Amino acid sequence: MSQQRRGQVPGGQRLRLRTLVLLRWTAIAGQSAAIAAGHFHFGLQLPVGFCALVIGTSVIANLVSAFLFPPNRRLSDREAMLVLLFDLAQLAFLLFLTGGLTNPFALLIIAPVVISASALRLRTTILLGVVAVLLLTLAAFAALPLQYADGRAIYMPRILEFGFWLAIVIGILFLGLYAHRVSSEIGAMSEALLATQMALSREQKLTDLGGVVAAAAHELGTPLATIKLTSAELIEELAGHPDLQEDARLIRDQADRCRDILRSMGRAGKDDLHLRRAPLGALLREAADPHLARGKQVHFDLEPGPGGDSAQPLVLRKPEIIHGLRNLIQNAVDFATSAVWVSAQWTDRRIVLTIVDDGPGYPPQVLARIGDPFVRNRRAEQPDAARPGYEGMGLGLFIAKTLLERSGAELSFANAANPFLRTEELPLRRGAIIEVIWPIDSLRSTGQGALGENRPNLP
């Protein structure tokens, strides 16, 4: 990933040859129409023969491309650069023959640079931009002037010519940078959303697998109990046959072992409908469970808010909610110095979850971008050894934010303490703070009566 721009197809092969060929056919048609209109309708004296020769080179290039290469071929970064350089040179030479900057179509020299900025590497776009500016400058000083039928030349005032040149150069810089930035953000967002989908799919598969294993444990419980009971009776009846009695003991021990293995592999039972909902505290502890033994204290504080029921609300155990909360708690544990506080409060209208740590907090310069993909989300001085396996790409918070927002939550990120306080003035809960707010109807399980028959959890 570090060797190529995010969102780019491996090897830089993003542009199809067919796309550039179609764009070139469009350019050929437009150039031919402009030359014909200028010569026959407006009576301009144009070097039609040379113009036709320049346009013909593009026609030949398209025909050669169509015959030698499959239309769905994707060009490497270098190949696409050469194609766009050819288009730049062809357009610049055509401008040289038709008045240079006096020709209003000089603006089209921006097009190859914008195409490169949208699909190719930054260094390729910079090279094409420099070549475009050089060719434009050359056309401004050495172009053949446009002439009417009576031989009168058309000249633009120098200040307007300079202004037109400057406007095109600024357009190359601005549109190139803008297209590159937008393309990079779209690519990064697409890749991050793919990572989100993969994470959710993995969480769902783990949940389903746990259900399958637990269903097996539930279904095999009776036959294993029968085997154990029968083997125990055989042990008593075979008291006078030590060899056979040892075999019966082995059968009983192996039945116990099978029971223990199945019990350790899954704890959820069959696809038990009761396990699709859980008290809020149980959900939070399940999400935090992988990070409770990492050397940091995780404190849970749950209490009803104004108008809230004294009993914890039953909430849905959705994989996306568990995975999203787990990522938030992981982020807090990763950066905490010694402790993390997970607080929840509920009313009759909403559930508010707050996660605070005693770490360094978020840097002010990236606080507004927390939750975007590929943004490093804590202070740079945090040693990597404290976060083994973490790449610092901001994907964890992005995935959590995306998954939890899909469940109806609103997330906000802030620092718990004033950054201008001295160390001795900082409160205990001084690190990053994440607040997650759900409308209670979007998270609370509404089932109160019988849930129905359990169903096999098939893969």
Protein backbone atom coordinates (compact mmCIF):
# COMPACT_ATOMS: atom_id res chain seq x y z
CA MET A 1 0.00 0.00 0.00
CA SER A 2 2.83 2.41 0.77
CA GLN A 3 4.30 1.87 -2.70
CA GLN A 4 1.26 3.11 -4.59
CA ARG A 5 -1.48 5.64 -4.24
CA ARG A 6 -4.39 4.35 -2.19
CA GLY A 7 -7.32 3.17 -4.21
CA GLN A 8 -5.14 2.49 -7.23
CA VAL A 9 -5.31 -0.76 -9.10
CA PRO A 10 -2.11 -2.77 -8.47
CA GLY A 11 0.65 -1.84 -10.84
CA GLY A 12 -0.96 1.50 -11.64
CA GLN A 13 -3.20 -0.13 -14.26
CA ARG A 14 -6.33 1.94 -13.86
CA LEU A 15 -7.01 3.42 -17.31
CA ARG A 16 -8.39 1.25 -20.06
CA LEU A 17 -7.01 1.75 -23.54
CA ARG A 18 -10.59 1.83 -24.83
CA THR A 19 -11.34 4.88 -22.68
CA LEU A 20 -8.43 6.91 -24.03
CA VAL A 21 -9.19 5.81 -27.60
CA LEU A 22 -12.81 6.97 -27.30
CA LEU A 23 -11.67 10.30 -25.84
CA ARG A 24 -9.23 10.70 -28.70
CA TRP A 25 -11.95 9.99 -31.30
CA THR A 26 -14.02 12.71 -29.65
CA ALA A 27 -11.06 15.10 -29.84
CA ILE A 28 -10.49 14.22 -33.51
CA ALA A 29 -14.12 14.97 -34.35
CA GLY A 30 -14.01 18.27 -32.48
CA GLN A 31 -10.70 19.35 -34.04
CA SER A 32 -11.93 18.49 -37.54
CA ALA A 33 -15.17 20.41 -37.01
CA ALA A 34 -13.30 23.45 -35.67
CA ILE A 35 -10.86 23.52 -38.62
CA ALA A 36 -13.69 23.13 -41.13
CA ALA A 37 -15.80 25.85 -39.50
CA GLY A 38 -12.88 28.26 -39.29
CA HIS A 39 -11.85 27.71 -42.90
CA PHE A 40 -15.18 27.50 -44.70
CA HIS A 41 -17.60 29.44 -42.47
CA PHE A 42 -15.43 32.20 -41.00
CA GLY A 43 -13.11 32.51 -43.98
CA LEU A 44 -9.86 32.08 -42.06
CA GLN A 45 -6.70 31.20 -43.95
CA LEU A 46 -5.60 28.03 -42.20
CA PRO A 47 -2.89 25.57 -43.24
CA VAL A 48 -5.57 22.93 -43.79
CA GLY A 49 -3.13 20.41 -45.21
CA PHE A 50 -0.83 20.52 -42.22
CA CYS A 51 -3.80 20.54 -39.83
CA ALA A 52 -5.20 17.46 -41.55
CA LEU A 53 -1.80 15.79 -41.24
CA VAL A 54 -1.69 16.50 -37.47
CA ILE A 55 -5.23 15.23 -36.96
CA GLY A 56 -4.41 12.24 -39.17
CA THR A 57 -1.63 11.19 -36.80
CA SER A 58 -4.24 10.81 -34.06
CA VAL A 59 -6.43 8.79 -36.40
CA ILE A 60 -3.50 6.50 -37.25
CA ALA A 61 -2.62 6.14 -33.56
CA ASN A 62 -6.19 5.11 -32.75
CA LEU A 63 -6.34 2.60 -35.60
CA VAL A 64 -2.99 1.08 -34.61
CA SER A 65 -4.17 0.81 -31.00
CA ALA A 66 -7.42 -0.83 -32.08
CA PHE A 67 -5.69 -3.45 -34.25
CA LEU A 68 -2.70 -4.26 -32.07
CA PHE A 69 -4.22 -4.27 -28.58
CA PRO A 70 -7.46 -5.61 -27.08
CA PRO A 71 -9.89 -2.79 -26.24
CA ASN A 72 -10.19 -3.86 -22.60
CA ARG A 73 -6.45 -3.68 -21.97
CA ARG A 74 -5.53 -1.65 -18.92
CA LEU A 75 -2.54 0.60 -19.36
CA SER A 76 0.31 0.78 -16.91
CA ASP A 77 1.19 4.16 -15.48
CA ARG A 78 4.04 4.55 -17.95
CA GLU A 79 1.93 3.52 -20.96
CA ALA A 80 -0.87 5.90 -20.02
CA MET A 81 1.67 8.69 -19.57
CA LEU A 82 3.06 8.13 -23.08
CA VAL A 83 -0.44 8.18 -24.57
CA LEU A 84 -1.28 11.45 -22.82
CA LEU A 85 2.08 12.96 -23.81
CA PHE A 86 1.25 12.15 -27.42
CA ASP A 87 -2.12 13.89 -27.07
CA LEU A 88 -0.45 16.93 -25.51
CA ALA A 89 2.08 17.16 -28.32
CA GLN A 90 -0.60 16.73 -31.00
CA LEU A 91 -2.79 19.45 -29.50
CA ALA A 92 0.16 21.83 -28.99
CA PHE A 93 1.26 21.43 -32.62
CA LEU A 94 -2.28 22.06 -33.78
CA LEU A 95 -2.35 25.23 -31.69
CA PHE A 96 0.97 26.26 -33.28
CA LEU A 97 -0.68 26.03 -36.71
CA THR A 98 -3.87 27.85 -35.70
CA GLY A 99 -2.87 30.98 -33.82
CA GLY A 100 -1.53 29.76 -30.48
CA LEU A 101 -3.17 31.56 -27.58
CA THR A 102 -5.33 33.50 -30.03
CA ASN A 103 -7.15 30.21 -30.58
CA PRO A 104 -9.82 29.90 -27.86
CA PHE A 105 -9.47 26.10 -27.96
CA ALA A 106 -6.05 26.43 -26.29
CA LEU A 107 -7.92 25.82 -23.05
CA LEU A 108 -8.25 22.12 -23.98
CA ILE A 109 -4.58 21.55 -23.22
CA ILE A 110 -5.74 21.15 -19.60
CA ALA A 111 -7.63 17.93 -20.41
CA PRO A 112 -4.71 15.42 -20.48
CA VAL A 113 -3.39 16.77 -17.18
CA VAL A 114 -6.80 16.40 -15.48
CA ILE A 115 -7.13 12.83 -16.80
CA SER A 116 -3.71 12.01 -15.38
CA ALA A 117 -4.54 13.63 -12.04
CA SER A 118 -7.70 11.54 -11.77
CA ALA A 119 -6.17 8.15 -12.54
CA LEU A 120 -2.36 8.16 -12.47
CA ARG A 121 0.39 8.73 -9.94
CA LEU A 122 1.21 12.20 -8.71
CA ARG A 123 4.69 12.21 -10.28
CA THR A 124 3.17 11.40 -13.68
CA THR A 125 0.68 14.24 -13.31
CA ILE A 126 3.46 16.67 -12.36
CA LEU A 127 5.46 15.65 -15.45
CA LEU A 128 2.46 16.11 -17.74
CA GLY A 129 1.67 19.46 -16.12
CA VAL A 130 5.21 20.74 -16.67
CA VAL A 131 5.18 19.55 -20.32
CA ALA A 132 1.77 21.19 -20.87
CA VAL A 133 2.99 24.54 -19.50
CA LEU A 134 6.15 24.39 -21.65
CA LEU A 135 4.23 23.54 -24.82
CA LEU A 136 1.67 26.26 -24.09
CA THR A 137 4.44 28.82 -23.57
CA LEU A 138 6.13 27.75 -26.81
CA ALA A 139 2.84 28.06 -28.70
CA ALA A 140 2.36 31.57 -27.27
CA PHE A 141 5.67 32.82 -28.72
CA ALA A 142 6.12 30.81 -31.92
CA ALA A 143 2.61 30.12 -33.23
CA LEU A 144 1.49 31.02 -36.74
CA PRO A 145 -1.00 33.91 -36.58
CA LEU A 146 -4.61 33.48 -37.67
CA GLN A 147 -5.43 35.35 -40.88
CA TYR A 148 -8.62 36.42 -42.61
CA ALA A 149 -9.19 35.66 -46.30
CA ASP A 150 -7.83 39.13 -47.27
CA GLY A 151 -4.55 38.44 -45.47
CA ARG A 152 -5.21 40.50 -42.33
CA ALA A 153 -3.70 38.84 -39.26
CA ILE A 154 -5.60 38.49 -36.00
CA TYR A 155 -3.61 39.61 -32.99
CA MET A 156 -4.56 39.63 -29.34
CA PRO A 157 -3.34 42.47 -27.10
CA ARG A 158 -0.28 41.30 -25.22
CA ILE A 159 -1.85 41.83 -21.82
CA LEU A 160 -4.86 39.70 -22.80
CA GLU A 161 -2.57 37.07 -24.27
CA PHE A 162 -0.57 36.97 -21.06
CA GLY A 163 -3.77 36.82 -19.03
CA PHE A 164 -5.05 33.91 -21.15
CA TRP A 165 -1.73 32.09 -20.72
CA LEU A 166 -1.75 32.70 -16.96
CA ALA A 167 -5.37 31.54 -16.68
CA ILE A 168 -4.57 28.27 -18.46
CA VAL A 169 -1.48 27.67 -16.31
CA ILE A 170 -3.49 28.31 -13.14
CA GLY A 171 -6.20 26.00 -14.50
CA ILE A 172 -3.62 23.24 -15.03
CA LEU A 173 -2.35 23.63 -11.47
CA PHE A 174 -5.72 24.03 -9.76
CA LEU A 175 -7.72 21.45 -11.69
CA GLY A 176 -4.84 18.97 -11.60
CA LEU A 177 -4.46 19.31 -7.83
CA TYR A 178 -8.23 19.27 -7.28
CA ALA A 179 -8.77 16.17 -9.43
CA HIS A 180 -5.86 14.37 -7.76
CA ARG A 181 -7.13 15.19 -4.26
CA VAL A 182 -10.70 14.11 -5.02
CA SER A 183 -9.53 10.92 -6.70
CA SER A 184 -7.26 10.09 -3.75
CA GLU A 185 -10.07 10.62 -1.25
CA ILE A 186 -12.50 8.52 -3.27
CA GLY A 187 -9.93 5.74 -3.55
CA ALA A 188 -9.14 5.89 0.17
CA MET A 189 -12.83 5.87 1.08
CA SER A 190 -13.53 2.92 -1.24
CA GLU A 191 -10.68 0.94 0.26
CA ALA A 192 -11.74 1.79 3.79
CA LEU A 193 -15.34 0.78 3.08
CA LEU A 194 -14.05 -2.50 1.69
CA ALA A 195 -12.09 -3.02 4.91
CA THR A 196 -15.26 -2.25 6.86
CA GLN A 197 -17.24 -4.82 4.91
CA MET A 198 -14.51 -7.41 5.41
CA ALA A 199 -14.40 -6.72 9.15
CA LEU A 200 -18.17 -7.03 9.46
CA SER A 201 -18.17 -10.19 7.35
CA ARG A 202 -15.46 -11.69 9.57
CA GLU A 203 -17.41 -10.80 12.71
CA GLN A 204 -20.57 -12.34 11.23
CA LYS A 205 -18.72 -15.53 10.26
CA LEU A 206 -17.24 -15.83 13.74
CA THR A 207 -20.69 -15.37 15.24
CA ASP A 208 -22.19 -17.95 12.90
CA LEU A 209 -19.32 -20.37 13.55
CA GLY A 210 -19.81 -20.02 17.28
CA GLY A 211 -23.49 -20.78 16.82
CA VAL A 212 -22.76 -23.86 14.73
CA VAL A 213 -20.27 -25.21 17.27
CA ALA A 214 -22.58 -24.45 20.16
CA ALA A 215 -25.47 -26.10 18.34
CA ALA A 216 -23.32 -29.21 17.95
CA ALA A 217 -22.52 -29.14 21.67
CA HIS A 218 -26.22 -28.85 22.45
CA GLU A 219 -27.27 -31.67 20.11
CA LEU A 220 -24.45 -34.03 21.16
CA GLY A 221 -25.03 -33.50 24.86
CA THR A 222 -27.66 -36.25 25.17
CA PRO A 223 -25.78 -39.00 23.27
CA LEU A 224 -22.57 -38.19 25.15
CA ALA A 225 -24.43 -38.41 28.46
CA THR A 226 -25.85 -41.77 27.39
CA ILE A 227 -22.38 -43.03 26.46
CA LYS A 228 -21.02 -41.87 29.82
CA LEU A 229 -23.85 -43.53 31.76
CA THR A 230 -23.52 -46.79 29.86
CA SER A 231 -19.75 -46.86 30.26
CA ALA A 232 -20.12 -46.26 34.02
CA GLU A 233 -22.45 -49.26 34.29
CA LEU A 234 -20.02 -51.39 32.26
CA ILE A 235 -17.19 -50.45 34.61
CA GLU A 236 -19.19 -51.83 37.55
CA GLU A 237 -20.28 -55.00 35.71
CA LEU A 238 -16.76 -55.77 34.42
CA ALA A 239 -15.10 -55.74 37.83
CA GLY A 240 -13.77 -59.26 37.21
CA HIS A 241 -12.34 -58.41 33.79
CA PRO A 242 -9.62 -55.75 34.24
CA ASP A 243 -8.81 -55.45 30.52
CA LEU A 244 -12.43 -54.91 29.50
CA GLN A 245 -12.97 -52.60 32.47
CA GLU A 246 -10.04 -50.43 31.32
CA ASP A 247 -11.64 -50.15 27.87
CA ALA A 248 -14.91 -49.04 29.46
CA ARG A 249 -13.02 -46.39 31.49
CA LEU A 250 -11.38 -45.18 28.27
CA ILE A 251 -14.81 -44.84 26.64
CA ARG A 252 -16.04 -42.79 29.62
CA ASP A 253 -12.94 -40.56 29.62
CA GLN A 254 -13.19 -39.89 25.89
CA ALA A 255 -16.87 -39.01 26.24
CA ASP A 256 -15.91 -36.49 28.95
CA ARG A 257 -13.20 -35.13 26.69
CA CYS A 258 -15.65 -34.66 23.82
CA ARG A 259 -17.99 -32.79 26.14
CA ASP A 260 -15.20 -30.49 27.37
CA ILE A 261 -13.98 -29.75 23.83
CA LEU A 262 -17.45 -28.81 22.62
CA ARG A 263 -18.05 -26.73 25.73
CA SER A 264 -14.81 -24.78 25.21
CA MET A 265 -15.46 -24.17 21.50
CA GLY A 266 -18.84 -22.57 21.86
CA ARG A 267 -20.90 -21.12 24.68
CA ALA A 268 -23.88 -19.68 22.84
CA GLY A 269 -25.95 -22.83 22.41
CA LYS A 270 -27.99 -23.33 19.33
CA ASP A 271 -29.04 -20.22 17.43
CA ASP A 272 -30.81 -19.31 20.63
CA LEU A 273 -33.16 -16.41 20.12
CA HIS A 274 -32.58 -15.33 23.73
CA LEU A 275 -28.94 -14.73 22.88
CA ARG A 276 -29.81 -12.22 20.20
CA ARG A 277 -30.39 -9.74 22.99
CA ALA A 278 -28.50 -9.02 26.19
CA PRO A 279 -28.35 -6.45 28.99
CA LEU A 280 -26.38 -3.37 28.03
CA GLY A 281 -23.62 -4.17 30.53
CA ALA A 282 -23.19 -7.69 29.17
CA LEU A 283 -22.90 -6.30 25.63
CA LEU A 284 -20.20 -3.84 26.69
CA ARG A 285 -18.23 -6.49 28.54
CA GLU A 286 -18.44 -8.84 25.56
CA ALA A 287 -17.09 -6.09 23.30
CA ALA A 288 -14.28 -5.31 25.73
CA ASP A 289 -13.43 -8.93 26.57
CA PRO A 290 -10.41 -9.32 24.19
CA HIS A 291 -8.78 -6.23 25.75
CA LEU A 292 -9.39 -6.83 29.46
CA ALA A 293 -6.11 -8.73 29.97
CA ARG A 294 -3.75 -6.34 28.19
CA GLY A 295 -2.30 -4.71 31.29
CA LYS A 296 -4.74 -1.76 31.42
CA GLN A 297 -7.64 -1.49 33.86
CA VAL A 298 -11.04 -1.20 32.17
CA HIS A 299 -13.71 0.22 34.49
CA PHE A 300 -17.42 -0.10 33.73
CA ASP A 301 -19.93 2.40 35.09
CA LEU A 302 -23.59 1.90 34.19
CA GLU A 303 -26.45 3.88 35.68
CA PRO A 304 -29.88 5.12 34.64
CA GLY A 305 -30.28 8.74 33.64
CA PRO A 306 -33.22 11.04 34.40
CA GLY A 307 -36.39 9.14 33.64
CA GLY A 308 -34.50 5.92 32.97
CA ASP A 309 -35.53 2.51 34.27
CA SER A 310 -33.48 1.14 37.13
CA ALA A 311 -32.94 -2.13 35.25
CA GLN A 312 -30.43 -2.19 32.41
CA PRO A 313 -32.14 -2.12 29.00
CA LEU A 314 -32.04 -5.25 26.87
CA VAL A 315 -30.23 -4.40 23.65
CA LEU A 316 -29.67 -6.19 20.37
CA ARG A 317 -26.48 -8.26 20.07
CA LYS A 318 -25.72 -7.31 16.47
CA PRO A 319 -22.24 -8.23 15.17
CA GLU A 320 -21.70 -4.72 13.79
CA ILE A 321 -22.44 -3.15 17.19
CA ILE A 322 -20.11 -5.53 19.03
CA HIS A 323 -17.31 -5.08 16.48
CA GLY A 324 -17.68 -1.30 16.43
CA LEU A 325 -17.58 -1.01 20.23
CA ARG A 326 -14.64 -3.42 20.35
CA ASN A 327 -12.65 -1.17 18.00
CA LEU A 328 -13.40 1.90 20.13
CA ILE A 329 -12.35 0.13 23.33
CA GLN A 330 -9.24 -1.24 21.60
CA ASN A 331 -8.25 2.26 20.55
CA ALA A 332 -8.68 3.53 24.11
CA VAL A 333 -6.72 0.63 25.61
CA ASP A 334 -3.95 1.06 23.02
CA PHE A 335 -3.28 4.65 24.05
CA ALA A 336 -4.22 4.56 27.72
CA THR A 337 -1.47 4.94 30.29
CA SER A 338 -3.10 2.70 32.87
CA ALA A 339 -6.90 2.84 32.76
CA VAL A 340 -9.97 3.14 30.54
CA TRP A 341 -13.46 4.09 31.71
CA VAL A 342 -16.52 2.78 29.87
CA SER A 343 -19.62 4.60 31.12
CA ALA A 344 -23.20 4.10 29.97
CA GLN A 345 -26.34 6.00 30.87
CA TRP A 346 -29.85 5.43 29.61
CA THR A 347 -33.13 7.27 29.68
CA ASP A 348 -36.52 6.53 28.16
CA ARG A 349 -35.33 8.18 24.92
CA ARG A 350 -31.65 7.39 24.38
CA ILE A 351 -28.57 5.45 25.45
CA VAL A 352 -25.33 7.39 25.92
CA LEU A 353 -22.00 5.55 25.98
CA THR A 354 -18.76 7.33 26.92
CA ILE A 355 -15.26 5.84 26.58
CA VAL A 356 -12.42 7.81 28.21
CA ASP A 357 -8.77 6.93 28.75
CA ASP A 358 -5.87 8.51 30.62
CA GLY A 359 -3.59 8.69 27.58
CA PRO A 360 -2.27 11.67 25.60
CA GLY A 361 -5.53 12.40 23.78
CA TYR A 362 -6.03 13.44 20.18
CA PRO A 363 -3.74 16.00 18.48
CA PRO A 364 -5.72 19.22 17.90
CA GLN A 365 -4.73 19.34 14.23
CA VAL A 366 -6.44 16.02 13.42
CA LEU A 367 -9.28 16.12 15.94
CA ALA A 368 -11.79 17.31 13.35
CA ARG A 369 -10.79 14.47 11.00
CA ILE A 370 -11.07 11.62 13.50
CA GLY A 371 -13.15 8.86 11.95
CA ASP A 372 -11.92 9.46 8.41
CA PRO A 373 -9.91 6.60 6.89
CA PHE A 374 -6.11 6.72 6.75
CA VAL A 375 -5.76 9.42 9.40
CA ARG A 376 -3.36 8.68 12.24
CA ASN A 377 -5.55 9.32 15.22
CA ARG A 378 -3.26 9.93 18.20
CA ARG A 379 -0.09 11.78 19.01
CA ALA A 380 2.96 10.91 16.95
CA GLU A 381 5.19 10.49 19.97
CA GLN A 382 3.27 7.39 21.07
CA PRO A 383 5.77 4.53 20.77
CA ASP A 384 4.82 1.82 18.32
CA ALA A 385 5.77 -0.84 20.86
CA ALA A 386 2.68 0.11 22.83
CA ARG A 387 0.48 -0.84 19.91
CA PRO A 388 1.80 -4.07 18.43
CA GLY A 389 0.43 -4.83 14.99
CA TYR A 390 -1.13 -1.39 14.58
CA GLU A 391 -0.44 0.36 11.29
CA GLY A 392 -1.58 3.86 12.28
CA MET A 393 -3.94 4.20 9.33
CA GLY A 394 -7.07 5.29 11.23
CA LEU A 395 -9.05 2.36 9.86
CA GLY A 396 -10.07 1.10 13.30
CA LEU A 397 -12.00 4.24 14.19
CA PHE A 398 -13.35 4.56 10.67
CA ILE A 399 -14.71 1.00 10.76
CA ALA A 400 -16.18 1.55 14.22
CA LYS A 401 -17.78 4.85 13.21
CA THR A 402 -19.24 3.39 10.02
CA LEU A 403 -20.66 0.28 11.70
CA LEU A 404 -22.13 2.12 14.68
CA GLU A 405 -23.67 4.85 12.54
CA ARG A 406 -25.40 2.13 10.54
CA SER A 407 -27.00 1.01 13.81
CA GLY A 408 -28.41 4.51 14.35
CA ALA A 409 -25.67 5.93 16.60
CA GLU A 410 -24.12 9.40 16.57
CA LEU A 411 -20.41 9.58 17.45
CA SER A 412 -18.33 12.51 18.63
CA PHE A 413 -14.62 12.68 19.49
CA ALA A 414 -12.94 15.11 21.85
CA ASN A 415 -10.24 15.46 24.48
CA ALA A 416 -11.27 15.18 28.10
CA ALA A 417 -8.78 17.73 29.45
CA ASN A 418 -7.58 21.21 28.56
CA PRO A 419 -4.27 20.81 26.65
CA PHE A 420 -2.87 23.96 28.31
CA LEU A 421 -3.01 22.53 31.84
CA ARG A 422 0.19 21.52 33.58
CA THR A 423 0.79 17.81 34.18
CA GLU A 424 -0.02 18.05 37.90
CA GLU A 425 -3.31 19.84 37.08
CA LEU A 426 -4.59 17.20 34.70
CA PRO A 427 -7.58 15.13 35.91
CA LEU A 428 -7.45 11.35 36.11
CA ARG A 429 -9.64 10.99 33.02
CA ARG A 430 -7.54 13.26 30.86
CA GLY A 431 -7.17 11.44 27.54
CA ALA A 432 -9.40 11.01 24.51
CA ILE A 433 -13.15 10.82 24.96
CA ILE A 434 -15.57 9.13 22.59
CA GLU A 435 -19.30 9.61 23.01
CA VAL A 436 -21.79 7.31 21.29
CA ILE A 437 -25.49 8.16 21.43
CA TRP A 438 -28.27 5.86 20.24
CA PRO A 439 -32.00 6.58 20.14
CA ILE A 440 -33.13 3.86 22.51
CA ASP A 441 -35.59 2.44 19.98
CA SER A 442 -32.78 1.70 17.51
CA LEU A 443 -30.77 -0.37 20.02
CA ARG A 444 -33.19 -1.74 22.58
CA SER A 445 -34.71 -5.17 22.05
CA THR A 446 -38.49 -4.82 22.11
CA GLY A 447 -39.31 -8.51 22.54
CA GLN A 448 -40.86 -9.15 25.93
CA GLY A 449 -42.83 -12.35 25.51
CA ALA A 450 -42.03 -15.74 24.01
CA LEU A 451 -39.46 -15.52 21.25
CA GLY A 452 -40.40 -18.71 19.43
CA GLU A 453 -38.55 -21.89 18.69
CA ASN A 454 -34.78 -21.89 18.35
CA ARG A 455 -33.51 -22.45 14.85
CA PRO A 456 -30.42 -24.36 13.69
CA ASN A 457 -27.61 -21.94 12.87
CA LEU A 458 -26.52 -23.29 9.50
CA PRO A 459 -23.32 -22.05 7.81
